[in-house]
All heavy atoms as atom14 arrays in JSON, in Angstrom:
{
  "sequence": "LNMYLAAALAQARAAQMPKSNTETAFKKGIAAVSGSAKGGEETD",
  "atom14_mask": [
    [1, 1, 1, 1, 1, 1, 1, 1, 0, 0, 0, 0, 0, 0],
    [1, 1, 1, 1, 1, 1, 1, 1, 0, 0, 0, 0, 0, 0],
    [1, 1, 1, 1, 1, 1, 1, 1, 0, 0, 0, 0, 0, 0],
    [1, 1, 1, 1, 1, 1, 1, 1, 1, 1, 1, 1, 0, 0],
    [1, 1, 1, 1, 1, 1, 1, 1, 0, 0, 0, 0, 0, 0],
    [1, 1, 1, 1, 1, 0, 0, 0, 0, 0, 0, 0, 0, 0],
    [1, 1, 1, 1, 1, 0, 0, 0, 0, 0, 0, 0, 0, 0],
    [1, 1, 1, 1, 1, 0, 0, 0, 0, 0, 0, 0, 0, 0],
    [1, 1, 1, 1, 1, 1, 1, 1, 0, 0, 0, 0, 0, 0],
    [1, 1, 1, 1, 1, 0, 0, 0, 0, 0, 0, 0, 0, 0],
    [1, 1, 1, 1, 1, 1, 1, 1, 1, 0, 0, 0, 0, 0],
    [1, 1, 1, 1, 1, 0, 0, 0, 0, 0, 0, 0, 0, 0],
    [1, 1, 1, 1, 1, 1, 1, 1, 1, 1, 1, 0, 0, 0],
    [1, 1, 1, 1, 1, 0, 0, 0, 0, 0, 0, 0, 0, 0],
    [1, 1, 1, 1, 1, 0, 0, 0, 0, 0, 0, 0, 0, 0],
    [1, 1, 1, 1, 1, 1, 1, 1, 1, 0, 0, 0, 0, 0],
    [1, 1, 1, 1, 1, 1, 1, 1, 0, 0, 0, 0, 0, 0],
    [1, 1, 1, 1, 1, 1, 1, 0, 0, 0, 0, 0, 0, 0],
    [1, 1, 1, 1, 1, 1, 1, 1, 1, 0, 0, 0, 0, 0],
    [1, 1, 1, 1, 1, 1, 0, 0, 0, 0, 0, 0, 0, 0],
    [1, 1, 1, 1, 1, 1, 1, 1, 0, 0, 0, 0, 0, 0],
    [1, 1, 1, 1, 1, 1, 1, 0, 0, 0, 0, 0, 0, 0],
    [1, 1, 1, 1, 1, 1, 1, 1, 1, 0, 0, 0, 0, 0],
    [1, 1, 1, 1, 1, 1, 1, 0, 0, 0, 0, 0, 0, 0],
    [1, 1, 1, 1, 1, 0, 0, 0, 0, 0, 0, 0, 0, 0],
    [1, 1, 1, 1, 1, 1, 1, 1, 1, 1, 1, 0, 0, 0],
    [1, 1, 1, 1, 1, 1, 1, 1, 1, 0, 0, 0, 0, 0],
    [1, 1, 1, 1, 1, 1, 1, 1, 1, 0, 0, 0, 0, 0],
    [1, 1, 1, 1, 0, 0, 0, 0, 0, 0, 0, 0, 0, 0],
    [1, 1, 1, 1, 1, 1, 1, 1, 0, 0, 0, 0, 0, 0],
    [1, 1, 1, 1, 1, 0, 0, 0, 0, 0, 0, 0, 0, 0],
    [1, 1, 1, 1, 1, 0, 0, 0, 0, 0, 0, 0, 0, 0],
    [1, 1, 1, 1, 1, 1, 1, 0, 0, 0, 0, 0, 0, 0],
    [1, 1, 1, 1, 1, 1, 0, 0, 0, 0, 0, 0, 0, 0],
    [1, 1, 1, 1, 0, 0, 0, 0, 0, 0, 0, 0, 0, 0],
    [1, 1, 1, 1, 1, 1, 0, 0, 0, 0, 0, 0, 0, 0],
    [1, 1, 1, 1, 1, 0, 0, 0, 0, 0, 0, 0, 0, 0],
    [1, 1, 1, 1, 1, 1, 1, 1, 1, 0, 0, 0, 0, 0],
    [1, 1, 1, 1, 0, 0, 0, 0, 0, 0, 0, 0, 0, 0],
    [1, 1, 1, 1, 0, 0, 0, 0, 0, 0, 0, 0, 0, 0],
    [1, 1, 1, 1, 1, 1, 1, 1, 1, 0, 0, 0, 0, 0],
    [1, 1, 1, 1, 1, 1, 1, 1, 1, 0, 0, 0, 0, 0],
    [1, 1, 1, 1, 1, 1, 1, 0, 0, 0, 0, 0, 0, 0],
    [1, 1, 1, 1, 1, 1, 1, 1, 0, 0, 0, 0, 0, 0]
  ],
  "atom14_positions": [
    [[105.03, 113.22, 81.94], [104.44, 112.53, 83.09], [103.6, 113.45, 83.97], [102.85, 112.98, 84.82], [105.54, 111.88, 83.93], [106.44, 110.86, 83.21], [107.56, 110.42, 84.14], [105.62, 109.66, 82.75], [0.0, 0.0, 0.0], [0.0, 0.0, 0.0], [0.0, 0.0, 0.0], [0.0, 0.0, 0.0], [0.0, 0.0, 0.0], [0.0, 0.0, 0.0]],
    [[103.75, 114.76, 83.78], [103.04, 115.74, 84.61], [102.24, 116.67, 83.71], [102.77, 117.65, 83.17], [104.04, 116.54, 85.46], [103.36, 117.47, 86.45], [102.19, 117.81, 86.29], [104.08, 117.89, 87.47], [0.0, 0.0, 0.0], [0.0, 0.0, 0.0], [0.0, 0.0, 0.0], [0.0, 0.0, 0.0], [0.0, 0.0, 0.0], [0.0, 0.0, 0.0]],
    [[100.97, 116.35, 83.51], [100.16, 117.13, 82.58], [99.88, 118.55, 83.11], [99.7, 119.47, 82.33], [98.84, 116.42, 82.28], [97.85, 116.31, 83.42], [96.26, 115.62, 82.9], [96.71, 113.94, 82.51], [0.0, 0.0, 0.0], [0.0, 0.0, 0.0], [0.0, 0.0, 0.0], [0.0, 0.0, 0.0], [0.0, 0.0, 0.0], [0.0, 0.0, 0.0]],
    [[99.88, 118.7, 84.43], [99.68, 120.04, 84.98], [100.85, 120.95, 84.57], [100.65, 122.1, 84.16], [99.62, 119.98, 86.52], [98.51, 119.11, 87.05], [98.77, 117.82, 87.5], [97.2, 119.58, 87.12], [97.76, 117.01, 87.99], [96.18, 118.78, 87.6], [96.46, 117.49, 88.03], [95.46, 116.7, 88.51], [0.0, 0.0, 0.0], [0.0, 0.0, 0.0]],
    [[102.05, 120.42, 84.64], [103.23, 121.19, 84.27], [103.27, 121.43, 82.76], [103.63, 122.51, 82.3], [104.5, 120.46, 84.71], [105.82, 121.19, 84.46], [105.84, 122.55, 85.15], [107.0, 120.33, 84.94], [0.0, 0.0, 0.0], [0.0, 0.0, 0.0], [0.0, 0.0, 0.0], [0.0, 0.0, 0.0], [0.0, 0.0, 0.0], [0.0, 0.0, 0.0]],
    [[102.88, 120.42, 81.99], [102.84, 120.58, 80.53], [101.92, 121.73, 80.14], [102.25, 122.56, 79.27], [102.38, 119.29, 79.87], [0.0, 0.0, 0.0], [0.0, 0.0, 0.0], [0.0, 0.0, 0.0], [0.0, 0.0, 0.0], [0.0, 0.0, 0.0], [0.0, 0.0, 0.0], [0.0, 0.0, 0.0], [0.0, 0.0, 0.0], [0.0, 0.0, 0.0]],
    [[100.76, 121.82, 80.79], [99.81, 122.88, 80.49], [100.36, 124.25, 80.9], [100.23, 125.23, 80.16], [98.49, 122.62, 81.2], [0.0, 0.0, 0.0], [0.0, 0.0, 0.0], [0.0, 0.0, 0.0], [0.0, 0.0, 0.0], [0.0, 0.0, 0.0], [0.0, 0.0, 0.0], [0.0, 0.0, 0.0], [0.0, 0.0, 0.0], [0.0, 0.0, 0.0]],
    [[101.0, 124.31, 82.06], [101.56, 125.59, 82.53], [102.69, 126.07, 81.62], [102.78, 127.26, 81.31], [102.06, 125.44, 83.97], [0.0, 0.0, 0.0], [0.0, 0.0, 0.0], [0.0, 0.0, 0.0], [0.0, 0.0, 0.0], [0.0, 0.0, 0.0], [0.0, 0.0, 0.0], [0.0, 0.0, 0.0], [0.0, 0.0, 0.0], [0.0, 0.0, 0.0]],
    [[103.54, 125.16, 81.19], [104.66, 125.55, 80.32], [104.18, 125.95, 78.93], [104.79, 126.8, 78.28], [105.67, 124.41, 80.22], [106.45, 124.12, 81.5], [107.42, 122.96, 81.3], [107.23, 125.37, 81.96], [0.0, 0.0, 0.0], [0.0, 0.0, 0.0], [0.0, 0.0, 0.0], [0.0, 0.0, 0.0], [0.0, 0.0, 0.0], [0.0, 0.0, 0.0]],
    [[103.08, 125.35, 78.47], [102.5, 125.77, 77.19], [102.04, 127.23, 77.29], [102.22, 128.01, 76.35], [101.33, 124.86, 76.81], [0.0, 0.0, 0.0], [0.0, 0.0, 0.0], [0.0, 0.0, 0.0], [0.0, 0.0, 0.0], [0.0, 0.0, 0.0], [0.0, 0.0, 0.0], [0.0, 0.0, 0.0], [0.0, 0.0, 0.0], [0.0, 0.0, 0.0]],
    [[101.46, 127.58, 78.43], [101.05, 128.98, 78.63], [102.27, 129.9, 78.68], [102.24, 131.01, 78.14], [100.26, 129.12, 79.93], [98.86, 128.54, 79.87], [98.01, 129.02, 81.04], [97.92, 130.21, 81.32], [97.4, 128.08, 81.74], [0.0, 0.0, 0.0], [0.0, 0.0, 0.0], [0.0, 0.0, 0.0], [0.0, 0.0, 0.0], [0.0, 0.0, 0.0]],
    [[103.33, 129.44, 79.31], [104.55, 130.25, 79.4], [105.11, 130.52, 78.02], [105.54, 131.64, 77.71], [105.59, 129.54, 80.28], [0.0, 0.0, 0.0], [0.0, 0.0, 0.0], [0.0, 0.0, 0.0], [0.0, 0.0, 0.0], [0.0, 0.0, 0.0], [0.0, 0.0, 0.0], [0.0, 0.0, 0.0], [0.0, 0.0, 0.0], [0.0, 0.0, 0.0]],
    [[105.12, 129.49, 77.16], [105.62, 129.68, 75.79], [104.73, 130.64, 75.01], [105.22, 131.52, 74.29], [105.71, 128.34, 75.07], [106.88, 127.46, 75.49], [107.06, 126.31, 74.53], [105.92, 125.42, 74.54], [105.77, 124.4, 75.37], [106.7, 124.13, 76.28], [104.7, 123.62, 75.31], [0.0, 0.0, 0.0], [0.0, 0.0, 0.0], [0.0, 0.0, 0.0]],
    [[103.42, 130.47, 75.14], [102.49, 131.32, 74.41], [102.64, 132.78, 74.82], [102.49, 133.69, 73.99], [101.05, 130.85, 74.64], [0.0, 0.0, 0.0], [0.0, 0.0, 0.0], [0.0, 0.0, 0.0], [0.0, 0.0, 0.0], [0.0, 0.0, 0.0], [0.0, 0.0, 0.0], [0.0, 0.0, 0.0], [0.0, 0.0, 0.0], [0.0, 0.0, 0.0]],
    [[102.94, 133.02, 76.09], [103.09, 134.39, 76.6], [104.51, 134.92, 76.42], [104.78, 136.06, 76.78], [102.72, 134.43, 78.07], [0.0, 0.0, 0.0], [0.0, 0.0, 0.0], [0.0, 0.0, 0.0], [0.0, 0.0, 0.0], [0.0, 0.0, 0.0], [0.0, 0.0, 0.0], [0.0, 0.0, 0.0], [0.0, 0.0, 0.0], [0.0, 0.0, 0.0]],
    [[105.4, 134.09, 75.86], [106.82, 134.46, 75.7], [107.43, 134.88, 77.04], [108.13, 135.88, 77.14], [106.98, 135.57, 74.66], [106.5, 135.16, 73.27], [106.71, 136.24, 72.23], [106.56, 137.43, 72.51], [107.06, 135.83, 71.03], [0.0, 0.0, 0.0], [0.0, 0.0, 0.0], [0.0, 0.0, 0.0], [0.0, 0.0, 0.0], [0.0, 0.0, 0.0]],
    [[107.14, 134.07, 78.04], [107.66, 134.33, 79.38], [109.17, 134.1, 79.4], [109.66, 133.1, 78.87], [106.97, 133.38, 80.37], [107.37, 133.56, 81.82], [106.17, 132.69, 82.85], [107.16, 132.29, 84.28], [0.0, 0.0, 0.0], [0.0, 0.0, 0.0], [0.0, 0.0, 0.0], [0.0, 0.0, 0.0], [0.0, 0.0, 0.0], [0.0, 0.0, 0.0]],
    [[109.93, 135.03, 79.94], [111.4, 134.88, 79.97], [111.84, 133.6, 80.66], [111.2, 133.14, 81.62], [111.85, 136.12, 80.76], [110.76, 137.11, 80.58], [109.5, 136.31, 80.53], [0.0, 0.0, 0.0], [0.0, 0.0, 0.0], [0.0, 0.0, 0.0], [0.0, 0.0, 0.0], [0.0, 0.0, 0.0], [0.0, 0.0, 0.0], [0.0, 0.0, 0.0]],
    [[112.93, 133.03, 80.18], [113.45, 131.78, 80.73], [113.77, 131.93, 82.21], [113.56, 131.01, 83.0], [114.71, 131.37, 79.96], [115.29, 130.04, 80.38], [116.51, 129.69, 79.55], [117.12, 128.36, 79.98], [118.33, 128.03, 79.19], [0.0, 0.0, 0.0], [0.0, 0.0, 0.0], [0.0, 0.0, 0.0], [0.0, 0.0, 0.0], [0.0, 0.0, 0.0]],
    [[114.26, 133.11, 82.6], [114.62, 133.33, 84.0], [113.4, 133.21, 84.91], [113.48, 132.67, 86.02], [115.27, 134.7, 84.18], [114.39, 135.74, 83.77], [0.0, 0.0, 0.0], [0.0, 0.0, 0.0], [0.0, 0.0, 0.0], [0.0, 0.0, 0.0], [0.0, 0.0, 0.0], [0.0, 0.0, 0.0], [0.0, 0.0, 0.0], [0.0, 0.0, 0.0]],
    [[112.24, 133.7, 84.45], [111.01, 133.58, 85.24], [110.61, 132.12, 85.4], [110.19, 131.68, 86.48], [109.87, 134.35, 84.58], [110.09, 135.85, 84.57], [111.16, 136.31, 84.18], [109.1, 136.62, 84.96], [0.0, 0.0, 0.0], [0.0, 0.0, 0.0], [0.0, 0.0, 0.0], [0.0, 0.0, 0.0], [0.0, 0.0, 0.0], [0.0, 0.0, 0.0]],
    [[110.73, 131.37, 84.31], [110.38, 129.95, 84.34], [111.29, 129.2, 85.3], [110.83, 128.37, 86.1], [110.47, 129.34, 82.93], [109.64, 130.09, 82.03], [110.01, 127.89, 82.93], [0.0, 0.0, 0.0], [0.0, 0.0, 0.0], [0.0, 0.0, 0.0], [0.0, 0.0, 0.0], [0.0, 0.0, 0.0], [0.0, 0.0, 0.0], [0.0, 0.0, 0.0]],
    [[112.59, 129.48, 85.22], [113.55, 128.8, 86.1], [113.28, 129.11, 87.57], [113.38, 128.23, 88.43], [114.97, 129.21, 85.71], [115.41, 128.65, 84.36], [116.76, 129.18, 83.92], [117.2, 130.21, 84.51], [117.36, 128.61, 83.0], [0.0, 0.0, 0.0], [0.0, 0.0, 0.0], [0.0, 0.0, 0.0], [0.0, 0.0, 0.0], [0.0, 0.0, 0.0]],
    [[112.93, 130.36, 87.86], [112.6, 130.75, 89.23], [111.39, 129.98, 89.74], [111.38, 129.49, 90.89], [112.33, 132.26, 89.32], [113.51, 132.98, 88.93], [111.93, 132.67, 90.73], [0.0, 0.0, 0.0], [0.0, 0.0, 0.0], [0.0, 0.0, 0.0], [0.0, 0.0, 0.0], [0.0, 0.0, 0.0], [0.0, 0.0, 0.0], [0.0, 0.0, 0.0]],
    [[110.37, 129.84, 88.88], [109.17, 129.1, 89.28], [109.49, 127.64, 89.52], [108.99, 127.03, 90.48], [108.1, 129.25, 88.19], [0.0, 0.0, 0.0], [0.0, 0.0, 0.0], [0.0, 0.0, 0.0], [0.0, 0.0, 0.0], [0.0, 0.0, 0.0], [0.0, 0.0, 0.0], [0.0, 0.0, 0.0], [0.0, 0.0, 0.0], [0.0, 0.0, 0.0]],
    [[110.36, 127.06, 88.68], [110.77, 125.67, 88.87], [111.44, 125.5, 90.23], [111.14, 124.55, 90.98], [111.74, 125.24, 87.76], [111.08, 124.47, 86.65], [110.36, 125.13, 85.67], [111.18, 123.09, 86.6], [109.76, 124.43, 84.64], [110.57, 122.38, 85.58], [109.86, 123.05, 84.59], [0.0, 0.0, 0.0], [0.0, 0.0, 0.0], [0.0, 0.0, 0.0]],
    [[112.35, 126.4, 90.55], [113.08, 126.31, 91.82], [112.11, 126.4, 93.0], [112.24, 125.66, 93.98], [114.12, 127.42, 91.9], [115.3, 127.23, 90.95], [116.24, 128.42, 91.0], [117.38, 128.27, 90.0], [118.27, 129.45, 89.98], [0.0, 0.0, 0.0], [0.0, 0.0, 0.0], [0.0, 0.0, 0.0], [0.0, 0.0, 0.0], [0.0, 0.0, 0.0]],
    [[111.14, 127.29, 92.91], [110.16, 127.44, 93.99], [109.32, 126.17, 94.15], [109.04, 125.73, 95.27], [109.24, 128.64, 93.72], [109.92, 130.0, 93.89], [108.92, 131.12, 93.63], [109.57, 132.5, 93.85], [108.6, 133.6, 93.56], [0.0, 0.0, 0.0], [0.0, 0.0, 0.0], [0.0, 0.0, 0.0], [0.0, 0.0, 0.0], [0.0, 0.0, 0.0]],
    [[108.91, 125.61, 93.01], [108.1, 124.41, 93.06], [108.85, 123.23, 93.66], [108.33, 122.51, 94.52], [0.0, 0.0, 0.0], [0.0, 0.0, 0.0], [0.0, 0.0, 0.0], [0.0, 0.0, 0.0], [0.0, 0.0, 0.0], [0.0, 0.0, 0.0], [0.0, 0.0, 0.0], [0.0, 0.0, 0.0], [0.0, 0.0, 0.0], [0.0, 0.0, 0.0]],
    [[110.09, 123.05, 93.21], [110.91, 121.95, 93.71], [111.22, 122.14, 95.2], [111.19, 121.19, 95.99], [112.2, 121.84, 92.88], [111.86, 121.4, 91.46], [113.18, 120.86, 93.52], [113.01, 121.52, 90.48], [0.0, 0.0, 0.0], [0.0, 0.0, 0.0], [0.0, 0.0, 0.0], [0.0, 0.0, 0.0], [0.0, 0.0, 0.0], [0.0, 0.0, 0.0]],
    [[111.49, 123.39, 95.58], [111.78, 123.68, 96.99], [110.57, 123.4, 97.86], [110.68, 122.88, 98.98], [112.22, 125.14, 97.14], [0.0, 0.0, 0.0], [0.0, 0.0, 0.0], [0.0, 0.0, 0.0], [0.0, 0.0, 0.0], [0.0, 0.0, 0.0], [0.0, 0.0, 0.0], [0.0, 0.0, 0.0], [0.0, 0.0, 0.0], [0.0, 0.0, 0.0]],
    [[109.38, 123.73, 97.33], [108.16, 123.5, 98.1], [107.93, 122.0, 98.31], [107.5, 121.57, 99.4], [106.97, 124.12, 97.38], [0.0, 0.0, 0.0], [0.0, 0.0, 0.0], [0.0, 0.0, 0.0], [0.0, 0.0, 0.0], [0.0, 0.0, 0.0], [0.0, 0.0, 0.0], [0.0, 0.0, 0.0], [0.0, 0.0, 0.0], [0.0, 0.0, 0.0]],
    [[108.21, 121.21, 97.29], [108.02, 119.76, 97.39], [109.04, 119.14, 98.34], [108.71, 118.25, 99.14], [108.12, 119.1, 96.0], [108.11, 117.58, 96.12], [106.96, 119.55, 95.12], [0.0, 0.0, 0.0], [0.0, 0.0, 0.0], [0.0, 0.0, 0.0], [0.0, 0.0, 0.0], [0.0, 0.0, 0.0], [0.0, 0.0, 0.0], [0.0, 0.0, 0.0]],
    [[110.28, 119.63, 98.26], [111.34, 119.05, 99.09], [111.26, 119.48, 100.55], [111.91, 118.9, 101.42], [112.71, 119.44, 98.53], [112.93, 120.84, 98.68], [0.0, 0.0, 0.0], [0.0, 0.0, 0.0], [0.0, 0.0, 0.0], [0.0, 0.0, 0.0], [0.0, 0.0, 0.0], [0.0, 0.0, 0.0], [0.0, 0.0, 0.0], [0.0, 0.0, 0.0]],
    [[110.46, 120.52, 100.79], [110.32, 121.0, 102.16], [111.33, 122.04, 102.55], [111.36, 122.49, 103.69], [0.0, 0.0, 0.0], [0.0, 0.0, 0.0], [0.0, 0.0, 0.0], [0.0, 0.0, 0.0], [0.0, 0.0, 0.0], [0.0, 0.0, 0.0], [0.0, 0.0, 0.0], [0.0, 0.0, 0.0], [0.0, 0.0, 0.0], [0.0, 0.0, 0.0]],
    [[112.17, 122.48, 101.57], [113.18, 123.49, 101.87], [112.62, 124.9, 101.8], [113.3, 125.86, 102.1], [114.37, 123.37, 100.9], [113.93, 123.53, 99.56], [0.0, 0.0, 0.0], [0.0, 0.0, 0.0], [0.0, 0.0, 0.0], [0.0, 0.0, 0.0], [0.0, 0.0, 0.0], [0.0, 0.0, 0.0], [0.0, 0.0, 0.0], [0.0, 0.0, 0.0]],
    [[111.36, 125.0, 101.37], [110.7, 126.31, 101.35], [109.51, 126.27, 102.29], [108.91, 125.22, 102.53], [110.23, 126.65, 99.93], [0.0, 0.0, 0.0], [0.0, 0.0, 0.0], [0.0, 0.0, 0.0], [0.0, 0.0, 0.0], [0.0, 0.0, 0.0], [0.0, 0.0, 0.0], [0.0, 0.0, 0.0], [0.0, 0.0, 0.0], [0.0, 0.0, 0.0]],
    [[109.18, 127.39, 102.85], [108.04, 127.48, 103.75], [106.77, 127.19, 102.97], [106.59, 127.68, 101.85], [107.94, 128.87, 104.38], [109.09, 129.18, 105.33], [108.91, 130.58, 105.93], [110.04, 130.9, 106.91], [109.9, 132.25, 107.49], [0.0, 0.0, 0.0], [0.0, 0.0, 0.0], [0.0, 0.0, 0.0], [0.0, 0.0, 0.0], [0.0, 0.0, 0.0]],
    [[105.92, 126.4, 103.53], [104.67, 126.07, 102.86], [103.78, 127.29, 102.73], [103.58, 128.04, 103.67], [0.0, 0.0, 0.0], [0.0, 0.0, 0.0], [0.0, 0.0, 0.0], [0.0, 0.0, 0.0], [0.0, 0.0, 0.0], [0.0, 0.0, 0.0], [0.0, 0.0, 0.0], [0.0, 0.0, 0.0], [0.0, 0.0, 0.0], [0.0, 0.0, 0.0]],
    [[103.24, 127.46, 101.53], [102.36, 128.59, 101.28], [100.93, 128.22, 101.66], [100.63, 127.1, 102.08], [0.0, 0.0, 0.0], [0.0, 0.0, 0.0], [0.0, 0.0, 0.0], [0.0, 0.0, 0.0], [0.0, 0.0, 0.0], [0.0, 0.0, 0.0], [0.0, 0.0, 0.0], [0.0, 0.0, 0.0], [0.0, 0.0, 0.0], [0.0, 0.0, 0.0]],
    [[100.06, 129.18, 101.53], [98.66, 128.92, 101.81], [98.08, 128.01, 100.74], [98.5, 128.04, 99.59], [97.9, 130.25, 101.84], [98.32, 131.19, 102.95], [97.55, 132.5, 102.89], [96.48, 132.57, 103.52], [98.01, 133.41, 102.2], [0.0, 0.0, 0.0], [0.0, 0.0, 0.0], [0.0, 0.0, 0.0], [0.0, 0.0, 0.0], [0.0, 0.0, 0.0]],
    [[97.11, 127.22, 101.13], [96.49, 126.31, 100.18], [95.7, 127.1, 99.14], [94.98, 128.04, 99.46], [95.56, 125.35, 100.91], [94.96, 124.29, 100.02], [94.13, 123.29, 100.8], [94.24, 123.29, 102.04], [93.38, 122.53, 100.17], [0.0, 0.0, 0.0], [0.0, 0.0, 0.0], [0.0, 0.0, 0.0], [0.0, 0.0, 0.0], [0.0, 0.0, 0.0]],
    [[95.85, 126.7, 97.88], [95.19, 127.4, 96.78], [93.96, 126.63, 96.32], [94.02, 125.41, 96.13], [96.15, 127.56, 95.59], [97.3, 128.3, 96.01], [95.48, 128.33, 94.45], [0.0, 0.0, 0.0], [0.0, 0.0, 0.0], [0.0, 0.0, 0.0], [0.0, 0.0, 0.0], [0.0, 0.0, 0.0], [0.0, 0.0, 0.0], [0.0, 0.0, 0.0]],
    [[92.85, 127.33, 96.16], [91.62, 126.74, 95.65], [91.39, 127.21, 94.23], [91.66, 128.37, 93.89], [90.41, 127.15, 96.5], [90.45, 126.58, 97.9], [90.96, 125.46, 98.05], [89.99, 127.26, 98.83], [0.0, 0.0, 0.0], [0.0, 0.0, 0.0], [0.0, 0.0, 0.0], [0.0, 0.0, 0.0], [0.0, 0.0, 0.0], [0.0, 0.0, 0.0]]
  ]
}
């Protein structure tokens, strides 16, 4: 349902990114959406 995430995870697999790094990124993303993390600067 989220093509942006599908593309990012495909890159993670291709780069053999450790599972721990992926899990950390997931937590940050979910925290940012839920408002439990401080909002970062807008990315262009």
